[in-house]
PDB file of N, CA and C in Angstrom:
ATOM      1  N   UNK A   1      63.370 -45.099 -39.728  1.00  0.00           N
ATOM      2  CA  UNK A   1      63.847 -43.891 -40.340  1.00  0.00           C
ATOM      3  C   UNK A   1      65.377 -43.946 -40.409  1.00  0.00           C
ATOM      4  N   UNK A   2      65.898 -43.756 -41.586  1.00  0.00           N
ATOM      5  CA  UNK A   2      67.338 -43.782 -41.789  1.00  0.00           C
ATOM      6  C   UNK A   2      67.890 -42.363 -41.734  1.00  0.00           C
ATOM      7  N   UNK A   3      68.914 -42.160 -40.889  1.00  0.00           N
ATOM      8  CA  UNK A   3      69.544 -40.850 -40.781  1.00  0.00           C
ATOM      9  C   UNK A   3      71.007 -40.964 -41.158  1.00  0.00           C
ATOM     10  N   UNK A   4      71.494 -39.950 -41.819  1.00  0.00           N
ATOM     11  CA  UNK A   4      72.898 -39.921 -42.185  1.00  0.00           C
ATOM     12  C   UNK A   4      73.722 -39.470 -40.983  1.00  0.00           C
ATOM     13  N   UNK A   5      74.869 -40.119 -40.794  1.00  0.00           N
ATOM     14  CA  UNK A   5      75.777 -39.738 -39.713  1.00  0.00           C
ATOM     15  C   UNK A   5      76.297 -38.328 -39.975  1.00  0.00           C
ATOM     16  N   UNK A   6      76.286 -37.443 -38.973  1.00  0.00           N
ATOM     17  CA  UNK A   6      76.776 -36.073 -39.208  1.00  0.00           C
ATOM     18  C   UNK A   6      78.251 -36.068 -39.600  1.00  0.00           C
ATOM     19  N   UNK A   7      78.584 -35.228 -40.554  1.00  0.00           N
ATOM     20  CA  UNK A   7      79.949 -35.152 -41.054  1.00  0.00           C
ATOM     21  C   UNK A   7      80.417 -33.701 -41.079  1.00  0.00           C
ATOM     22  N   UNK A   8      81.723 -33.543 -41.025  1.00  0.00           N
ATOM     23  CA  UNK A   8      82.284 -32.207 -41.168  1.00  0.00           C
ATOM     24  C   UNK A   8      82.249 -31.799 -42.631  1.00  0.00           C
ATOM     25  N   UNK A   9      82.240 -30.515 -42.870  1.00  0.00           N
ATOM     26  CA  UNK A   9      82.176 -30.001 -44.240  1.00  0.00           C
ATOM     27  C   UNK A   9      83.449 -30.349 -45.017  1.00  0.00           C
ATOM     28  N   UNK A  10      83.340 -30.301 -46.341  1.00  0.00           N
ATOM     29  CA  UNK A  10      84.515 -30.511 -47.185  1.00  0.00           C
ATOM     30  C   UNK A  10      85.584 -29.475 -46.877  1.00  0.00           C
ATOM     31  N   UNK A  11      85.161 -28.272 -46.584  1.00  0.00           N
ATOM     32  CA  UNK A  11      86.108 -27.203 -46.239  1.00  0.00           C
ATOM     33  C   UNK A  11      86.901 -27.549 -44.973  1.00  0.00           C
ATOM     34  N   UNK A  12      86.203 -28.040 -43.947  1.00  0.00           N
ATOM     35  CA  UNK A  12      86.873 -28.418 -42.706  1.00  0.00           C
ATOM     36  C   UNK A  12      87.800 -29.607 -42.911  1.00  0.00           C
ATOM     37  N   UNK A  13      87.358 -30.599 -43.676  1.00  0.00           N
ATOM     38  CA  UNK A  13      88.218 -31.750 -43.930  1.00  0.00           C
ATOM     39  C   UNK A  13      89.456 -31.319 -44.716  1.00  0.00           C
ATOM     40  N   UNK A  14      89.295 -30.407 -45.662  1.00  0.00           N
ATOM     41  CA  UNK A  14      90.438 -29.881 -46.401  1.00  0.00           C
ATOM     42  C   UNK A  14      91.421 -29.169 -45.489  1.00  0.00           C
ATOM     43  N   UNK A  15      90.901 -28.423 -44.519  1.00  0.00           N
ATOM     44  CA  UNK A  15      91.764 -27.728 -43.557  1.00  0.00           C
ATOM     45  C   UNK A  15      92.595 -28.733 -42.760  1.00  0.00           C
ATOM     46  N   UNK A  16      91.978 -29.814 -42.363  1.00  0.00           N
ATOM     47  CA  UNK A  16      92.678 -30.851 -41.589  1.00  0.00           C
ATOM     48  C   UNK A  16      93.791 -31.491 -42.421  1.00  0.00           C
ATOM     49  N   UNK A  17      93.498 -31.787 -43.686  1.00  0.00           N
ATOM     50  CA  UNK A  17      94.513 -32.400 -44.538  1.00  0.00           C
ATOM     51  C   UNK A  17      95.634 -31.422 -44.856  1.00  0.00           C
ATOM     52  N   UNK A  18      95.317 -30.148 -45.012  1.00  0.00           N
ATOM     53  CA  UNK A  18      96.382 -29.147 -45.231  1.00  0.00           C
ATOM     54  C   UNK A  18      97.279 -29.054 -43.998  1.00  0.00           C
ATOM     55  N   UNK A  19      96.689 -29.169 -42.809  1.00  0.00           N
ATOM     56  CA  UNK A  19      97.484 -29.160 -41.572  1.00  0.00           C
ATOM     57  C   UNK A  19      98.417 -30.371 -41.534  1.00  0.00           C
ATOM     58  N   UNK A  20      97.935 -31.534 -41.975  1.00  0.00           N
ATOM     59  CA  UNK A  20      98.788 -32.725 -42.023  1.00  0.00           C
ATOM     60  C   UNK A  20      99.915 -32.527 -43.032  1.00  0.00           C
ATOM     61  N   UNK A  21      99.596 -31.963 -44.208  1.00  0.00           N
ATOM     62  CA  UNK A  21     100.633 -31.681 -45.214  1.00  0.00           C
ATOM     63  C   UNK A  21     101.695 -30.741 -44.648  1.00  0.00           C
ATOM     64  N   UNK A  22     101.250 -29.721 -43.934  1.00  0.00           N
ATOM     65  CA  UNK A  22     102.194 -28.768 -43.340  1.00  0.00           C
ATOM     66  C   UNK A  22     103.096 -29.464 -42.315  1.00  0.00           C
ATOM     67  N   UNK A  23     102.525 -30.341 -41.514  1.00  0.00           N
ATOM     68  CA  UNK A  23     103.303 -31.107 -40.536  1.00  0.00           C
ATOM     69  C   UNK A  23     104.353 -31.961 -41.242  1.00  0.00           C
ATOM     70  N   UNK A  24     103.951 -32.642 -42.302  1.00  0.00           N
ATOM     71  CA  UNK A  24     104.880 -33.474 -43.060  1.00  0.00           C
ATOM     72  C   UNK A  24     106.026 -32.644 -43.634  1.00  0.00           C
ATOM     73  N   UNK A  25     105.706 -31.522 -44.248  1.00  0.00           N
ATOM     74  CA  UNK A  25     106.738 -30.682 -44.871  1.00  0.00           C
ATOM     75  C   UNK A  25     107.648 -30.028 -43.831  1.00  0.00           C
ATOM     76  N   UNK A  26     107.054 -29.496 -42.766  1.00  0.00           N
ATOM     77  CA  UNK A  26     107.817 -28.786 -41.735  1.00  0.00           C
ATOM     78  C   UNK A  26     108.842 -29.693 -41.067  1.00  0.00           C
ATOM     79  N   UNK A  27     108.458 -30.933 -40.841  1.00  0.00           N
ATOM     80  CA  UNK A  27     109.337 -31.864 -40.117  1.00  0.00           C
ATOM     81  C   UNK A  27     109.987 -32.895 -41.028  1.00  0.00           C
ATOM     82  N   UNK A  28     109.891 -32.683 -42.344  1.00  0.00           N
ATOM     83  CA  UNK A  28     110.502 -33.565 -43.342  1.00  0.00           C
ATOM     84  C   UNK A  28     110.137 -35.032 -43.083  1.00  0.00           C
ATOM     85  N   UNK A  29     108.824 -35.276 -42.966  1.00  0.00           N
ATOM     86  CA  UNK A  29     108.313 -36.617 -42.701  1.00  0.00           C
ATOM     87  C   UNK A  29     107.748 -37.240 -43.969  1.00  0.00           C
ATOM     88  N   UNK A  30     107.735 -38.552 -44.017  1.00  0.00           N
ATOM     89  CA  UNK A  30     107.139 -39.270 -45.134  1.00  0.00           C
ATOM     90  C   UNK A  30     105.657 -39.560 -44.903  1.00  0.00           C
ATOM     91  N   UNK A  31     105.297 -39.849 -43.654  1.00  0.00           N
ATOM     92  CA  UNK A  31     103.931 -40.244 -43.319  1.00  0.00           C
ATOM     93  C   UNK A  31     103.509 -39.697 -41.967  1.00  0.00           C
ATOM     94  N   UNK A  32     102.215 -39.487 -41.833  1.00  0.00           N
ATOM     95  CA  UNK A  32     101.582 -39.298 -40.531  1.00  0.00           C
ATOM     96  C   UNK A  32     100.772 -40.561 -40.304  1.00  0.00           C
ATOM     97  N   UNK A  33     100.886 -41.137 -39.133  1.00  0.00           N
ATOM     98  CA  UNK A  33     100.191 -42.376 -38.816  1.00  0.00           C
ATOM     99  C   UNK A  33      99.137 -42.091 -37.751  1.00  0.00           C
ATOM    100  N   UNK A  34      97.904 -42.520 -38.016  1.00  0.00           N
ATOM    101  CA  UNK A  34      96.823 -42.412 -37.035  1.00  0.00           C
ATOM    102  C   UNK A  34      96.300 -43.824 -36.777  1.00  0.00           C
ATOM    103  N   UNK A  35      96.080 -44.154 -35.515  1.00  0.00           N
ATOM    104  CA  UNK A  35      95.629 -45.496 -35.157  1.00  0.00           C
ATOM    105  C   UNK A  35      94.572 -45.382 -34.074  1.00  0.00           C
ATOM    106  N   UNK A  36      93.588 -46.248 -34.142  1.00  0.00           N
ATOM    107  CA  UNK A  36      92.643 -46.368 -33.035  1.00  0.00           C
ATOM    108  C   UNK A  36      92.030 -47.757 -33.024  1.00  0.00           C
ATOM    109  N   UNK A  37      91.555 -48.139 -31.863  1.00  0.00           N
ATOM    110  CA  UNK A  37      90.963 -49.474 -31.711  1.00  0.00           C
ATOM    111  C   UNK A  37      89.855 -49.432 -30.669  1.00  0.00           C
ATOM    112  N   UNK A  38      88.883 -50.303 -30.863  1.00  0.00           N
ATOM    113  CA  UNK A  38      87.789 -50.490 -29.906  1.00  0.00           C
ATOM    114  C   UNK A  38      87.098 -49.186 -29.522  1.00  0.00           C
ATOM    115  N   UNK A  39      86.875 -48.351 -30.512  1.00  0.00           N
ATOM    116  CA  UNK A  39      86.173 -47.075 -30.328  1.00  0.00           C
ATOM    117  C   UNK A  39      86.858 -46.126 -29.360  1.00  0.00           C
ATOM    118  N   UNK A  40      88.137 -46.327 -29.113  1.00  0.00           N
ATOM    119  CA  UNK A  40      88.857 -45.402 -28.240  1.00  0.00           C
ATOM    120  C   UNK A  40      89.721 -44.493 -29.105  1.00  0.00           C
ATOM    121  N   UNK A  41      89.577 -43.217 -28.911  1.00  0.00           N
ATOM    122  CA  UNK A  41      90.291 -42.249 -29.719  1.00  0.00           C
ATOM    123  C   UNK A  41      89.468 -41.853 -30.926  1.00  0.00           C
ATOM    124  N   UNK A  42      89.967 -40.858 -31.655  1.00  0.00           N
ATOM    125  CA  UNK A  42      89.228 -40.399 -32.828  1.00  0.00           C
ATOM    126  C   UNK A  42      90.161 -39.913 -33.933  1.00  0.00           C
ATOM    127  N   UNK A  43      91.415 -40.315 -33.894  1.00  0.00           N
ATOM    128  CA  UNK A  43      92.393 -39.823 -34.870  1.00  0.00           C
ATOM    129  C   UNK A  43      92.041 -40.227 -36.295  1.00  0.00           C
ATOM    130  N   UNK A  44      91.658 -41.464 -36.517  1.00  0.00           N
ATOM    131  CA  UNK A  44      91.316 -41.921 -37.865  1.00  0.00           C
ATOM    132  C   UNK A  44      90.073 -41.193 -38.357  1.00  0.00           C
ATOM    133  N   UNK A  45      89.068 -41.113 -37.522  1.00  0.00           N
ATOM    134  CA  UNK A  45      87.830 -40.436 -37.907  1.00  0.00           C
ATOM    135  C   UNK A  45      88.067 -38.944 -38.156  1.00  0.00           C
ATOM    136  N   UNK A  46      88.952 -38.326 -37.405  1.00  0.00           N
ATOM    137  CA  UNK A  46      89.224 -36.896 -37.546  1.00  0.00           C
ATOM    138  C   UNK A  46      89.714 -36.571 -38.958  1.00  0.00           C
ATOM    139  N   UNK A  47      90.488 -37.478 -39.545  1.00  0.00           N
ATOM    140  CA  UNK A  47      91.010 -37.256 -40.895  1.00  0.00           C
ATOM    141  C   UNK A  47      90.153 -37.865 -41.998  1.00  0.00           C
ATOM    142  N   UNK A  48      89.358 -38.893 -41.701  1.00  0.00           N
ATOM    143  CA  UNK A  48      88.716 -39.636 -42.781  1.00  0.00           C
ATOM    144  C   UNK A  48      87.192 -39.719 -42.702  1.00  0.00           C
ATOM    145  N   UNK A  49      86.608 -39.334 -41.587  1.00  0.00           N
ATOM    146  CA  UNK A  49      85.167 -39.498 -41.327  1.00  0.00           C
ATOM    147  C   UNK A  49      84.769 -40.971 -41.233  1.00  0.00           C
ATOM    148  N   UNK A  50      85.743 -41.850 -41.157  1.00  0.00           N
ATOM    149  CA  UNK A  50      85.470 -43.277 -41.018  1.00  0.00           C
ATOM    150  C   UNK A  50      85.348 -43.591 -39.534  1.00  0.00           C
ATOM    151  N   UNK A  51      84.160 -43.981 -39.094  1.00  0.00           N
ATOM    152  CA  UNK A  51      83.931 -44.285 -37.694  1.00  0.00           C
ATOM    153  C   UNK A  51      84.459 -45.680 -37.388  1.00  0.00           C
ATOM    154  N   UNK A  52      85.458 -45.748 -36.537  1.00  0.00           N
ATOM    155  CA  UNK A  52      86.136 -47.014 -36.238  1.00  0.00           C
ATOM    156  C   UNK A  52      85.404 -47.750 -35.129  1.00  0.00           C
ATOM    157  N   UNK A  53      85.106 -49.022 -35.376  1.00  0.00           N
ATOM    158  CA  UNK A  53      84.452 -49.827 -34.350  1.00  0.00           C
ATOM    159  C   UNK A  53      85.385 -50.885 -33.763  1.00  0.00           C
ATOM    160  N   UNK A  54      86.316 -51.393 -34.566  1.00  0.00           N
ATOM    161  CA  UNK A  54      87.237 -52.413 -34.073  1.00  0.00           C
ATOM    162  C   UNK A  54      88.661 -51.896 -34.030  1.00  0.00           C
ATOM    163  N   UNK A  55      89.290 -51.791 -35.171  1.00  0.00           N
ATOM    164  CA  UNK A  55      90.681 -51.371 -35.236  1.00  0.00           C
ATOM    165  C   UNK A  55      90.941 -50.783 -36.618  1.00  0.00           C
ATOM    166  N   UNK A  56      91.666 -49.674 -36.652  1.00  0.00           N
ATOM    167  CA  UNK A  56      91.982 -49.067 -37.950  1.00  0.00           C
ATOM    168  C   UNK A  56      93.297 -48.323 -37.877  1.00  0.00           C
ATOM    169  N   UNK A  57      93.969 -48.323 -39.008  1.00  0.00           N
ATOM    170  CA  UNK A  57      95.239 -47.627 -39.170  1.00  0.00           C
ATOM    171  C   UNK A  57      95.102 -46.745 -40.404  1.00  0.00           C
ATOM    172  N   UNK A  58      95.480 -45.490 -40.276  1.00  0.00           N
ATOM    173  CA  UNK A  58      95.431 -44.559 -41.396  1.00  0.00           C
ATOM    174  C   UNK A  58      96.842 -44.038 -41.626  1.00  0.00           C
ATOM    175  N   UNK A  59      97.366 -44.262 -42.823  1.00  0.00           N
ATOM    176  CA  UNK A  59      98.681 -43.765 -43.221  1.00  0.00           C
ATOM    177  C   UNK A  59      98.462 -42.618 -44.192  1.00  0.00           C
ATOM    178  N   UNK A  60      98.974 -41.440 -43.864  1.00  0.00           N
ATOM    179  CA  UNK A  60      98.743 -40.249 -44.675  1.00  0.00           C
ATOM    180  C   UNK A  60     100.047 -39.698 -45.194  1.00  0.00           C
ATOM    181  N   UNK A  61     100.117 -39.526 -46.510  1.00  0.00           N
ATOM    182  CA  UNK A  61     101.253 -38.885 -47.148  1.00  0.00           C
ATOM    183  C   UNK A  61     100.849 -37.512 -47.646  1.00  0.00           C
ATOM    184  N   UNK A  62     101.734 -36.864 -48.364  1.00  0.00           N
ATOM    185  CA  UNK A  62     101.441 -35.533 -48.885  1.00  0.00           C
ATOM    186  C   UNK A  62     100.289 -35.550 -49.885  1.00  0.00           C
ATOM    187  N   UNK A  63      99.603 -34.439 -49.960  1.00  0.00           N
ATOM    188  CA  UNK A  63      98.533 -34.221 -50.942  1.00  0.00           C
ATOM    189  C   UNK A  63      97.411 -35.250 -50.869  1.00  0.00           C
ATOM    190  N   UNK A  64      97.031 -35.600 -49.668  1.00  0.00           N
ATOM    191  CA  UNK A  64      95.899 -36.508 -49.433  1.00  0.00           C
ATOM    192  C   UNK A  64      96.130 -37.933 -49.912  1.00  0.00           C
ATOM    193  N   UNK A  65      97.355 -38.332 -50.077  1.00  0.00           N
ATOM    194  CA  UNK A  65      97.589 -39.740 -50.389  1.00  0.00           C
ATOM    195  C   UNK A  65      97.484 -40.509 -49.077  1.00  0.00           C
ATOM    196  N   UNK A  66      96.663 -41.544 -49.072  1.00  0.00           N
ATOM    197  CA  UNK A  66      96.465 -42.253 -47.811  1.00  0.00           C
ATOM    198  C   UNK A  66      95.939 -43.655 -48.049  1.00  0.00           C
ATOM    199  N   UNK A  67      95.971 -44.422 -46.991  1.00  0.00           N
ATOM    200  CA  UNK A  67      95.401 -45.761 -46.981  1.00  0.00           C
ATOM    201  C   UNK A  67      94.833 -46.008 -45.599  1.00  0.00           C
ATOM    202  N   UNK A  68      93.598 -46.483 -45.539  1.00  0.00           N
ATOM    203  CA  UNK A  68      92.988 -46.923 -44.284  1.00  0.00           C
ATOM    204  C   UNK A  68      92.982 -48.438 -44.295  1.00  0.00           C
ATOM    205  N   UNK A  69      93.318 -49.035 -43.192  1.00  0.00           N
ATOM    206  CA  UNK A  69      93.171 -50.480 -43.102  1.00  0.00           C
ATOM    207  C   UNK A  69      92.557 -50.825 -41.756  1.00  0.00           C
ATOM    208  N   UNK A  70      91.857 -51.925 -41.720  1.00  0.00           N
ATOM    209  CA  UNK A  70      91.281 -52.405 -40.472  1.00  0.00           C
ATOM    210  C   UNK A  70      91.539 -53.898 -40.378  1.00  0.00           C
ATOM    211  N   UNK A  71      91.091 -54.485 -39.298  1.00  0.00           N
ATOM    212  CA  UNK A  71      91.302 -55.919 -39.130  1.00  0.00           C
ATOM    213  C   UNK A  71      90.448 -56.718 -40.092  1.00  0.00           C
ATOM    214  N   UNK A  72      89.441 -56.091 -40.699  1.00  0.00           N
ATOM    215  CA  UNK A  72      88.554 -56.833 -41.590  1.00  0.00           C
ATOM    216  C   UNK A  72      88.602 -56.372 -43.037  1.00  0.00           C
ATOM    217  N   UNK A  73      88.989 -55.116 -43.294  1.00  0.00           N
ATOM    218  CA  UNK A  73      88.993 -54.620 -44.671  1.00  0.00           C
ATOM    219  C   UNK A  73      90.166 -53.692 -44.913  1.00  0.00           C
ATOM    220  N   UNK A  74      90.492 -53.516 -46.167  1.00  0.00           N
ATOM    221  CA  UNK A  74      91.475 -52.527 -46.584  1.00  0.00           C
ATOM    222  C   UNK A  74      90.787 -51.629 -47.592  1.00  0.00           C
ATOM    223  N   UNK A  75      90.789 -50.342 -47.361  1.00  0.00           N
ATOM    224  CA  UNK A  75      90.158 -49.421 -48.299  1.00  0.00           C
ATOM    225  C   UNK A  75      90.666 -48.021 -48.088  1.00  0.00           C
ATOM    226  N   UNK A  76      90.441 -47.186 -49.062  1.00  0.00           N
ATOM    227  CA  UNK A  76      90.743 -45.764 -48.940  1.00  0.00           C
ATOM    228  C   UNK A  76      89.510 -45.081 -48.360  1.00  0.00           C
ATOM    229  N   UNK A  77      89.688 -43.928 -47.698  1.00  0.00           N
ATOM    230  CA  UNK A  77      88.524 -43.242 -47.140  1.00  0.00           C
ATOM    231  C   UNK A  77      87.465 -42.884 -48.183  1.00  0.00           C
ATOM    232  N   UNK A  78      87.855 -42.770 -49.450  1.00  0.00           N
ATOM    233  CA  UNK A  78      86.867 -42.458 -50.482  1.00  0.00           C
ATOM    234  C   UNK A  78      86.087 -43.699 -50.922  1.00  0.00           C
ATOM    235  N   UNK A  79      86.360 -44.837 -50.277  1.00  0.00           N
ATOM    236  CA  UNK A  79      85.615 -46.054 -50.555  1.00  0.00           C
ATOM    237  C   UNK A  79      86.250 -46.974 -51.572  1.00  0.00           C
ATOM    238  N   UNK A  80      87.322 -46.529 -52.221  1.00  0.00           N
ATOM    239  CA  UNK A  80      87.945 -47.364 -53.260  1.00  0.00           C
ATOM    240  C   UNK A  80      88.897 -48.382 -52.660  1.00  0.00           C
TER     241      UNK A  80
END
């Protein structure tokens, strides 16, 4: 039996990204950086729903511009 991994709603994910945008604007930052490795931490997953198993880096700019990278692949959270 195949089950889908539970995910937060689009509304909740939007709230998280708006909070990141506010942080960037308030502190005049270019990027927010989230990193995790070996399943420790949840910063990347908190913003992208991408469950990290090895290593991942998430670079977030204003208005949901971002890039996820890992030791094995480079992709955006939307799969592109």
